[in-house]
Amino acid sequence: MFYEPKNGHSLDYNPFNAIVIPRPIGWISTMSQEGIPNLAPYSFFNAVAYTPPQVMFSSTGNHPFGGLKDAVLDAQTTGEFVVNIATYDLRNQMNASSVPAPRDVDEFLFVGLNKQASNIVKCPRVLESPINLECKYKQSIYIETDDESSPNTVVFGEVVGIHIDEAYLSNDRIDVLKLRPISRLGYLDFSEVTNVFSMDRPTWEPN
């Protein structure tokens, strides 16, 4: 089949977000200017640079109670956010934290997770998550949308502090099979890392 997204498709479910897969989950924690913690997963998330290390997460649409979603608004107004790695053992709490709750709801409490103070930023990190990235907000980019009242916002941050539970290190490397990170597929589907393979990078040898 072929279709132009602007003209729609003939399937019962939108195939687009089942094509760019698997997508890592940015489980973003923030603190509002009023001191209210927020926690929510974003599957439009990735690392974007090595030096300095930088990440991005993208928010589609507005908060159900109006305005930008909490993670975006908090990052922009406080200049900070934390990325918490979502694992298979934390899948239910991660999913529950996507609830469209009012702004005054602390999702840590709502889903039964513990806060841990960060070393550099003021917003808390998820204690149960084995890896946390403390980030300083750098910039936002507003990208094209068909509905100007429902913005697409990409948030960039510099990673200024990294926490790693050493139980998930083997031979000075992160052991992905111990970590069991989860990723977003399409529809209501997720995946976990259960196998790993390696390939050497090629070198250029002219004929």
C-alpha atoms as a PDB file:
ATOM      1  CA  MET A   1       0.000   0.000   0.000  1.00  0.00           C
ATOM      2  CA  PHE A   2       0.940   3.644  -0.394  1.00  0.00           C
ATOM      3  CA  TYR A   3      -0.695   6.662   1.163  1.00  0.00           C
ATOM      4  CA  GLU A   4      -0.020  10.329   1.701  1.00  0.00           C
ATOM      5  CA  PRO A   5      -0.464  11.140   5.404  1.00  0.00           C
ATOM      6  CA  LYS A   6      -2.235  14.399   4.598  1.00  0.00           C
ATOM      7  CA  ASN A   7      -4.944  12.393   2.805  1.00  0.00           C
ATOM      8  CA  GLY A   8      -5.342   9.684   5.442  1.00  0.00           C
ATOM      9  CA  HIS A   9      -5.073   5.900   5.066  1.00  0.00           C
ATOM     10  CA  SER A  10      -7.374   2.917   4.623  1.00  0.00           C
ATOM     11  CA  LEU A  11      -6.381   1.049   7.792  1.00  0.00           C
ATOM     12  CA  ASP A  12      -8.350   0.923  11.029  1.00  0.00           C
ATOM     13  CA  TYR A  13      -5.284   2.146  12.970  1.00  0.00           C
ATOM     14  CA  ASN A  14      -2.654   4.735  12.103  1.00  0.00           C
ATOM     15  CA  PRO A  15       0.478   2.816  11.019  1.00  0.00           C
ATOM     16  CA  PHE A  16       2.966   5.669  11.374  1.00  0.00           C
ATOM     17  CA  ASN A  17       3.937   5.248  15.008  1.00  0.00           C
ATOM     18  CA  ALA A  18       4.217   1.492  14.445  1.00  0.00           C
ATOM     19  CA  ILE A  19       6.858   2.084  11.771  1.00  0.00           C
ATOM     20  CA  VAL A  20       9.502   4.120  13.594  1.00  0.00           C
ATOM     21  CA  ILE A  21      10.191   1.456  16.215  1.00  0.00           C
ATOM     22  CA  PRO A  22      11.364   0.624  18.751  1.00  0.00           C
ATOM     23  CA  ARG A  23      11.423   4.059  20.346  1.00  0.00           C
ATOM     24  CA  PRO A  24      13.204   4.580  23.681  1.00  0.00           C
ATOM     25  CA  ILE A  25      11.042   6.005  26.435  1.00  0.00           C
ATOM     26  CA  GLY A  26      12.024   9.273  28.056  1.00  0.00           C
ATOM     27  CA  TRP A  27      10.462   9.031  31.498  1.00  0.00           C
ATOM     28  CA  ILE A  28      10.655  12.713  32.375  1.00  0.00           C
ATOM     29  CA  SER A  29      10.457  14.086  35.905  1.00  0.00           C
ATOM     30  CA  THR A  30      10.208  17.799  36.598  1.00  0.00           C
ATOM     31  CA  MET A  31       9.284  20.250  39.337  1.00  0.00           C
ATOM     32  CA  SER A  32       6.912  23.134  38.669  1.00  0.00           C
ATOM     33  CA  GLN A  33       7.638  26.680  39.785  1.00  0.00           C
ATOM     34  CA  GLU A  34       5.042  26.047  42.503  1.00  0.00           C
ATOM     35  CA  GLY A  35       7.035  23.038  43.751  1.00  0.00           C
ATOM     36  CA  ILE A  36       4.746  20.296  42.397  1.00  0.00           C
ATOM     37  CA  PRO A  37       6.612  17.223  41.085  1.00  0.00           C
ATOM     38  CA  ASN A  38       5.582  15.770  37.725  1.00  0.00           C
ATOM     39  CA  LEU A  39       6.404  12.459  36.067  1.00  0.00           C
ATOM     40  CA  ALA A  40       5.367  11.338  32.579  1.00  0.00           C
ATOM     41  CA  PRO A  41       6.679   9.099  29.762  1.00  0.00           C
ATOM     42  CA  TYR A  42       7.501  10.409  26.280  1.00  0.00           C
ATOM     43  CA  SER A  43       8.188   7.956  23.469  1.00  0.00           C
ATOM     44  CA  PHE A  44       9.407  10.642  21.091  1.00  0.00           C
ATOM     45  CA  PHE A  45      12.748  10.708  22.912  1.00  0.00           C
ATOM     46  CA  ASN A  46      16.406  10.135  22.160  1.00  0.00           C
ATOM     47  CA  ALA A  47      20.026  11.138  22.706  1.00  0.00           C
ATOM     48  CA  VAL A  48      21.196  13.699  20.158  1.00  0.00           C
ATOM     49  CA  ALA A  49      24.865  14.445  20.920  1.00  0.00           C
ATOM     50  CA  TYR A  50      27.933  13.060  22.683  1.00  0.00           C
ATOM     51  CA  THR A  51      29.880  16.185  23.654  1.00  0.00           C
ATOM     52  CA  PRO A  52      28.362  17.674  25.617  1.00  0.00           C
ATOM     53  CA  PRO A  53      25.829  14.873  26.062  1.00  0.00           C
ATOM     54  CA  GLN A  54      22.377  16.081  25.068  1.00  0.00           C
ATOM     55  CA  VAL A  55      18.910  14.560  24.844  1.00  0.00           C
ATOM     56  CA  MET A  56      15.531  15.560  23.476  1.00  0.00           C
ATOM     57  CA  PHE A  57      11.924  14.711  24.097  1.00  0.00           C
ATOM     58  CA  SER A  58       8.957  15.789  22.035  1.00  0.00           C
ATOM     59  CA  SER A  59       5.438  16.541  23.218  1.00  0.00           C
ATOM     60  CA  THR A  60       2.455  16.385  20.914  1.00  0.00           C
ATOM     61  CA  GLY A  61      -0.628  18.376  21.770  1.00  0.00           C
ATOM     62  CA  ASN A  62      -1.604  20.321  24.872  1.00  0.00           C
ATOM     63  CA  HIS A  63      -2.264  19.403  28.475  1.00  0.00           C
ATOM     64  CA  PRO A  64      -5.842  18.073  28.811  1.00  0.00           C
ATOM     65  CA  PHE A  65      -6.530  20.971  31.187  1.00  0.00           C
ATOM     66  CA  GLY A  66      -5.072  23.534  28.771  1.00  0.00           C
ATOM     67  CA  GLY A  67      -1.647  24.912  27.895  1.00  0.00           C
ATOM     68  CA  LEU A  68       1.606  23.058  27.410  1.00  0.00           C
ATOM     69  CA  LYS A  69       2.059  19.663  29.014  1.00  0.00           C
ATOM     70  CA  ASP A  70       3.657  19.707  32.470  1.00  0.00           C
ATOM     71  CA  ALA A  71       7.084  18.358  31.475  1.00  0.00           C
ATOM     72  CA  VAL A  72       7.454  20.945  28.709  1.00  0.00           C
ATOM     73  CA  LEU A  73       6.181  23.846  30.779  1.00  0.00           C
ATOM     74  CA  ASP A  74       8.258  22.893  33.817  1.00  0.00           C
ATOM     75  CA  ALA A  75      11.446  22.421  31.781  1.00  0.00           C
ATOM     76  CA  GLN A  76      10.964  25.792  30.105  1.00  0.00           C
ATOM     77  CA  THR A  77      10.135  27.728  33.267  1.00  0.00           C
ATOM     78  CA  THR A  78      12.587  26.088  35.693  1.00  0.00           C
ATOM     79  CA  GLY A  79      15.352  25.170  33.242  1.00  0.00           C
ATOM     80  CA  GLU A  80      15.627  21.588  34.482  1.00  0.00           C
ATOM     81  CA  PHE A  81      14.373  18.046  33.992  1.00  0.00           C
ATOM     82  CA  VAL A  82      15.449  14.457  34.681  1.00  0.00           C
ATOM     83  CA  VAL A  83      15.290  11.457  32.364  1.00  0.00           C
ATOM     84  CA  ASN A  84      14.590   8.226  34.232  1.00  0.00           C
ATOM     85  CA  ILE A  85      15.178   4.934  32.425  1.00  0.00           C
ATOM     86  CA  ALA A  86      12.023   2.826  32.248  1.00  0.00           C
ATOM     87  CA  THR A  87      12.603  -0.903  32.766  1.00  0.00           C
ATOM     88  CA  TYR A  88      10.401  -3.967  32.495  1.00  0.00           C
ATOM     89  CA  ASP A  89      10.034  -4.111  36.282  1.00  0.00           C
ATOM     90  CA  LEU A  90       8.732  -0.527  36.248  1.00  0.00           C
ATOM     91  CA  ARG A  91       6.433  -0.930  33.245  1.00  0.00           C
ATOM     92  CA  ASN A  92       3.184  -0.586  35.183  1.00  0.00           C
ATOM     93  CA  GLN A  93       4.269   2.548  37.024  1.00  0.00           C
ATOM     94  CA  MET A  94       5.596   4.048  33.804  1.00  0.00           C
ATOM     95  CA  ASN A  95       2.312   3.416  32.048  1.00  0.00           C
ATOM     96  CA  ALA A  96       0.260   4.706  34.979  1.00  0.00           C
ATOM     97  CA  SER A  97       2.264   7.939  35.022  1.00  0.00           C
ATOM     98  CA  SER A  98       0.896   8.781  31.568  1.00  0.00           C
ATOM     99  CA  VAL A  99      -2.483   9.501  33.163  1.00  0.00           C
ATOM    100  CA  PRO A 100      -3.924  12.886  32.032  1.00  0.00           C
ATOM    101  CA  ALA A 101      -4.015  14.221  35.587  1.00  0.00           C
ATOM    102  CA  PRO A 102      -4.560  17.840  36.699  1.00  0.00           C
ATOM    103  CA  ARG A 103      -1.455  19.975  37.179  1.00  0.00           C
ATOM    104  CA  ASP A 104      -1.584  19.780  40.981  1.00  0.00           C
ATOM    105  CA  VAL A 105      -1.269  15.967  41.001  1.00  0.00           C
ATOM    106  CA  ASP A 106       2.072  14.464  42.034  1.00  0.00           C
ATOM    107  CA  GLU A 107       2.434  11.449  39.735  1.00  0.00           C
ATOM    108  CA  PHE A 108       5.142   9.952  41.963  1.00  0.00           C
ATOM    109  CA  LEU A 109       2.517   9.557  44.679  1.00  0.00           C
ATOM    110  CA  PHE A 110      -0.211   8.599  42.233  1.00  0.00           C
ATOM    111  CA  VAL A 111       1.733   5.610  40.833  1.00  0.00           C
ATOM    112  CA  GLY A 112       3.509   4.634  44.069  1.00  0.00           C
ATOM    113  CA  LEU A 113       7.110   5.591  43.305  1.00  0.00           C
ATOM    114  CA  ASN A 114       9.694   7.167  45.586  1.00  0.00           C
ATOM    115  CA  LYS A 115      11.451  10.448  44.909  1.00  0.00           C
ATOM    116  CA  GLN A 116      15.213  10.748  45.205  1.00  0.00           C
ATOM    117  CA  ALA A 117      16.957  14.111  45.406  1.00  0.00           C
ATOM    118  CA  SER A 118      19.092  14.953  42.412  1.00  0.00           C
ATOM    119  CA  ASN A 119      22.690  16.129  42.839  1.00  0.00           C
ATOM    120  CA  ILE A 120      22.600  19.178  40.558  1.00  0.00           C
ATOM    121  CA  VAL A 121      19.031  19.957  39.491  1.00  0.00           C
ATOM    122  CA  LYS A 122      16.169  20.649  41.881  1.00  0.00           C
ATOM    123  CA  CYS A 123      13.591  18.295  40.390  1.00  0.00           C
ATOM    124  CA  PRO A 124      13.479  14.763  41.843  1.00  0.00           C
ATOM    125  CA  ARG A 125      14.455  11.567  40.106  1.00  0.00           C
ATOM    126  CA  VAL A 126      12.775   8.158  40.351  1.00  0.00           C
ATOM    127  CA  LEU A 127      14.497   6.197  43.112  1.00  0.00           C
ATOM    128  CA  GLU A 128      13.471   2.859  41.643  1.00  0.00           C
ATOM    129  CA  SER A 129      14.874   3.640  38.198  1.00  0.00           C
ATOM    130  CA  PRO A 130      18.420   2.248  37.822  1.00  0.00           C
ATOM    131  CA  ILE A 131      19.653   5.100  35.612  1.00  0.00           C
ATOM    132  CA  ASN A 132      18.810   8.814  35.806  1.00  0.00           C
ATOM    133  CA  LEU A 133      20.031  11.704  33.673  1.00  0.00           C
ATOM    134  CA  GLU A 134      19.963  15.134  35.296  1.00  0.00           C
ATOM    135  CA  CYS A 135      19.433  17.712  32.564  1.00  0.00           C
ATOM    136  CA  LYS A 136      19.626  21.464  32.096  1.00  0.00           C
ATOM    137  CA  TYR A 137      17.112  22.834  29.630  1.00  0.00           C
ATOM    138  CA  LYS A 138      18.681  24.300  26.481  1.00  0.00           C
ATOM    139  CA  GLN A 139      15.923  25.206  24.039  1.00  0.00           C
ATOM    140  CA  SER A 140      12.547  24.286  22.544  1.00  0.00           C
ATOM    141  CA  ILE A 141      11.594  24.059  18.910  1.00  0.00           C
ATOM    142  CA  TYR A 142       7.972  24.295  17.821  1.00  0.00           C
ATOM    143  CA  ILE A 143       7.429  22.196  14.722  1.00  0.00           C
ATOM    144  CA  GLU A 144       4.642  22.239  12.178  1.00  0.00           C
ATOM    145  CA  THR A 145       1.201  21.072  13.229  1.00  0.00           C
ATOM    146  CA  ASP A 146      -2.145  20.847  11.480  1.00  0.00           C
ATOM    147  CA  ASP A 147      -3.781  22.415  14.541  1.00  0.00           C
ATOM    148  CA  GLU A 148      -2.131  25.553  15.890  1.00  0.00           C
ATOM    149  CA  SER A 149      -3.996  25.122  19.184  1.00  0.00           C
ATOM    150  CA  SER A 150      -2.282  21.737  19.656  1.00  0.00           C
ATOM    151  CA  PRO A 151       1.489  22.363  19.381  1.00  0.00           C
ATOM    152  CA  ASN A 152       4.283  19.919  18.648  1.00  0.00           C
ATOM    153  CA  THR A 153       7.170  20.893  20.929  1.00  0.00           C
ATOM    154  CA  VAL A 154      10.687  19.439  20.941  1.00  0.00           C
ATOM    155  CA  VAL A 155      12.635  20.073  24.149  1.00  0.00           C
ATOM    156  CA  PHE A 156      16.442  19.809  24.228  1.00  0.00           C
ATOM    157  CA  GLY A 157      18.544  19.472  27.348  1.00  0.00           C
ATOM    158  CA  GLU A 158      22.181  18.993  28.287  1.00  0.00           C
ATOM    159  CA  VAL A 159      22.942  16.037  30.545  1.00  0.00           C
ATOM    160  CA  VAL A 160      24.863  17.479  33.507  1.00  0.00           C
ATOM    161  CA  GLY A 161      24.707  14.508  35.863  1.00  0.00           C
ATOM    162  CA  ILE A 162      24.329  10.748  35.430  1.00  0.00           C
ATOM    163  CA  HIS A 163      23.317   8.207  38.086  1.00  0.00           C
ATOM    164  CA  ILE A 164      23.931   4.502  37.395  1.00  0.00           C
ATOM    165  CA  ASP A 165      23.059   1.694  39.802  1.00  0.00           C
ATOM    166  CA  GLU A 166      26.290  -0.311  39.816  1.00  0.00           C
ATOM    167  CA  ALA A 167      24.310  -3.549  40.080  1.00  0.00           C
ATOM    168  CA  TYR A 168      23.652  -3.080  36.365  1.00  0.00           C
ATOM    169  CA  LEU A 169      27.322  -2.832  35.391  1.00  0.00           C
ATOM    170  CA  SER A 170      29.324  -5.790  34.084  1.00  0.00           C
ATOM    171  CA  ASN A 171      32.975  -5.389  33.083  1.00  0.00           C
ATOM    172  CA  ASP A 172      32.610  -1.604  33.268  1.00  0.00           C
ATOM    173  CA  ARG A 173      29.729  -1.637  30.786  1.00  0.00           C
ATOM    174  CA  ILE A 174      26.007  -1.206  31.294  1.00  0.00           C
ATOM    175  CA  ASP A 175      24.548  -4.702  31.159  1.00  0.00           C
ATOM    176  CA  VAL A 176      21.451  -4.224  29.036  1.00  0.00           C
ATOM    177  CA  LEU A 177      20.165  -7.726  29.723  1.00  0.00           C
ATOM    178  CA  LYS A 178      20.208  -6.995  33.455  1.00  0.00           C
ATOM    179  CA  LEU A 179      18.703  -3.556  32.919  1.00  0.00           C
ATOM    180  CA  ARG A 180      15.828  -4.810  30.706  1.00  0.00           C
ATOM    181  CA  PRO A 181      14.869  -1.386  29.350  1.00  0.00           C
ATOM    182  CA  ILE A 182      11.526  -1.130  27.618  1.00  0.00           C
ATOM    183  CA  SER A 183      10.656   0.682  24.418  1.00  0.00           C
ATOM    184  CA  ARG A 184       7.517   1.899  22.704  1.00  0.00           C
ATOM    185  CA  LEU A 185       6.112   0.178  19.666  1.00  0.00           C
ATOM    186  CA  GLY A 186       2.943   1.165  17.862  1.00  0.00           C
ATOM    187  CA  TYR A 187      -0.637   1.106  19.105  1.00  0.00           C
ATOM    188  CA  LEU A 188      -0.673  -0.070  22.763  1.00  0.00           C
ATOM    189  CA  ASP A 189       2.421  -2.239  22.371  1.00  0.00           C
ATOM    190  CA  PHE A 190       5.784  -2.160  24.123  1.00  0.00           C
ATOM    191  CA  SER A 191       8.942  -4.264  24.001  1.00  0.00           C
ATOM    192  CA  GLU A 192      11.818  -5.138  26.322  1.00  0.00           C
ATOM    193  CA  VAL A 193      15.442  -5.862  25.472  1.00  0.00           C
ATOM    194  CA  THR A 194      16.017  -9.607  25.870  1.00  0.00           C
ATOM    195  CA  ASN A 195      18.907 -10.206  23.471  1.00  0.00           C
ATOM    196  CA  VAL A 196      21.939  -8.316  22.229  1.00  0.00           C
ATOM    197  CA  PHE A 197      24.277  -8.773  19.272  1.00  0.00           C
ATOM    198  CA  SER A 198      27.421  -6.854  18.323  1.00  0.00           C
ATOM    199  CA  MET A 199      28.930  -5.834  15.002  1.00  0.00           C
ATOM    200  CA  ASP A 200      32.299  -4.208  14.388  1.00  0.00           C
ATOM    201  CA  ARG A 201      32.223  -0.877  12.585  1.00  0.00           C
ATOM    202  CA  PRO A 202      33.717  -1.109   9.091  1.00  0.00           C
ATOM    203  CA  THR A 203      36.923   0.593   8.093  1.00  0.00           C
ATOM    204  CA  TRP A 204      37.476   2.128   4.680  1.00  0.00           C
ATOM    205  CA  GLU A 205      39.860   0.185   2.498  1.00  0.00           C
ATOM    206  CA  PRO A 206      40.014   1.508  -1.084  1.00  0.00           C
ATOM    207  CA  ASN A 207      40.188  -1.116  -3.801  1.00  0.00           C
END
